[in-house]
Amino acid sequence: IIHAGVGKVSFGAEKLQDNLLALITKLIQLKPSSSKGIYLRSIGISSTMGPGVKVDPLQVRALIK
């Protein structure tokens, strides 16, 4: 489980997306070689006190490539 800030309210949607994709890309790069199977099983995004929104990891992976 990883909790990380990716932006502020003042950021535009494109900037938030870029920051989130950079975080996920780095997490994938840091995957240990001994790790087998699916590395990112689920992704959820939320504001500090807002409800979480589930994101499909396969769609995020398609954006990264």
Protein backbone atom coordinates (compact mmCIF):
# COMPACT_ATOMS: atom_id res chain seq x y z
CA ILE A 1 0.00 0.00 0.00
CA ILE A 2 1.38 3.36 -1.03
CA HIS A 3 -0.03 6.76 -0.08
CA ALA A 4 1.42 9.66 -2.05
CA GLY A 5 0.39 13.18 -2.94
CA VAL A 6 0.33 13.87 -6.67
CA GLY A 7 -0.92 17.44 -6.83
CA LYS A 8 -2.95 20.33 -5.48
CA VAL A 9 -6.40 21.69 -6.20
CA SER A 10 -4.83 24.45 -8.30
CA PHE A 11 -3.31 21.93 -10.73
CA GLY A 12 -5.12 21.27 -13.99
CA ALA A 13 -6.35 17.83 -14.98
CA GLU A 14 -3.45 17.29 -17.40
CA LYS A 15 -0.84 18.13 -14.75
CA LEU A 16 -2.47 15.77 -12.24
CA GLN A 17 -2.53 13.00 -14.84
CA ASP A 18 1.15 13.57 -15.68
CA ASN A 19 2.11 13.42 -12.00
CA LEU A 20 0.08 10.26 -11.39
CA LEU A 21 1.54 8.52 -14.45
CA ALA A 22 5.06 9.50 -13.33
CA LEU A 23 4.42 7.96 -9.90
CA ILE A 24 3.04 4.72 -11.34
CA THR A 25 5.87 4.50 -13.88
CA LYS A 26 8.43 4.81 -11.09
CA LEU A 27 6.66 2.16 -9.01
CA ILE A 28 6.74 -0.24 -11.95
CA GLN A 29 10.46 0.49 -12.50
CA LEU A 30 11.19 -0.25 -8.83
CA LYS A 31 9.46 -3.66 -8.97
CA PRO A 32 11.81 -6.27 -7.50
CA SER A 33 12.96 -8.86 -10.02
CA SER A 34 11.94 -11.61 -7.58
CA SER A 35 8.33 -10.41 -7.61
CA LYS A 36 6.10 -12.78 -9.60
CA GLY A 37 2.62 -12.24 -11.01
CA ILE A 38 0.59 -9.05 -11.06
CA TYR A 39 2.45 -6.19 -9.38
CA LEU A 40 -0.24 -3.47 -9.39
CA ARG A 41 -3.48 -5.19 -8.41
CA SER A 42 -5.59 -2.10 -7.83
CA ILE A 43 -5.33 1.67 -7.94
CA GLY A 44 -7.52 4.11 -6.04
CA ILE A 45 -7.43 7.90 -6.19
CA SER A 46 -9.04 10.36 -3.78
CA SER A 47 -8.75 13.87 -2.49
CA THR A 48 -7.70 14.29 1.13
CA MET A 49 -11.16 13.92 2.61
CA GLY A 50 -13.09 12.80 -0.47
CA PRO A 51 -14.33 9.39 -1.53
CA GLY A 52 -11.95 7.11 -3.41
CA VAL A 53 -12.32 6.27 -7.08
CA LYS A 54 -11.07 2.95 -8.42
CA VAL A 55 -8.91 3.06 -11.56
CA ASP A 56 -8.32 0.10 -13.86
CA PRO A 57 -4.58 -0.74 -13.72
CA LEU A 58 -4.67 -2.14 -17.27
CA GLN A 59 -5.88 1.19 -18.66
CA VAL A 60 -3.15 3.03 -16.75
CA ARG A 61 -0.53 0.63 -18.08
CA ALA A 62 -1.79 1.34 -21.64
CA LEU A 63 -1.27 5.09 -21.03
CA ILE A 64 2.28 4.52 -19.84
CA LYS A 65 3.41 2.54 -22.91
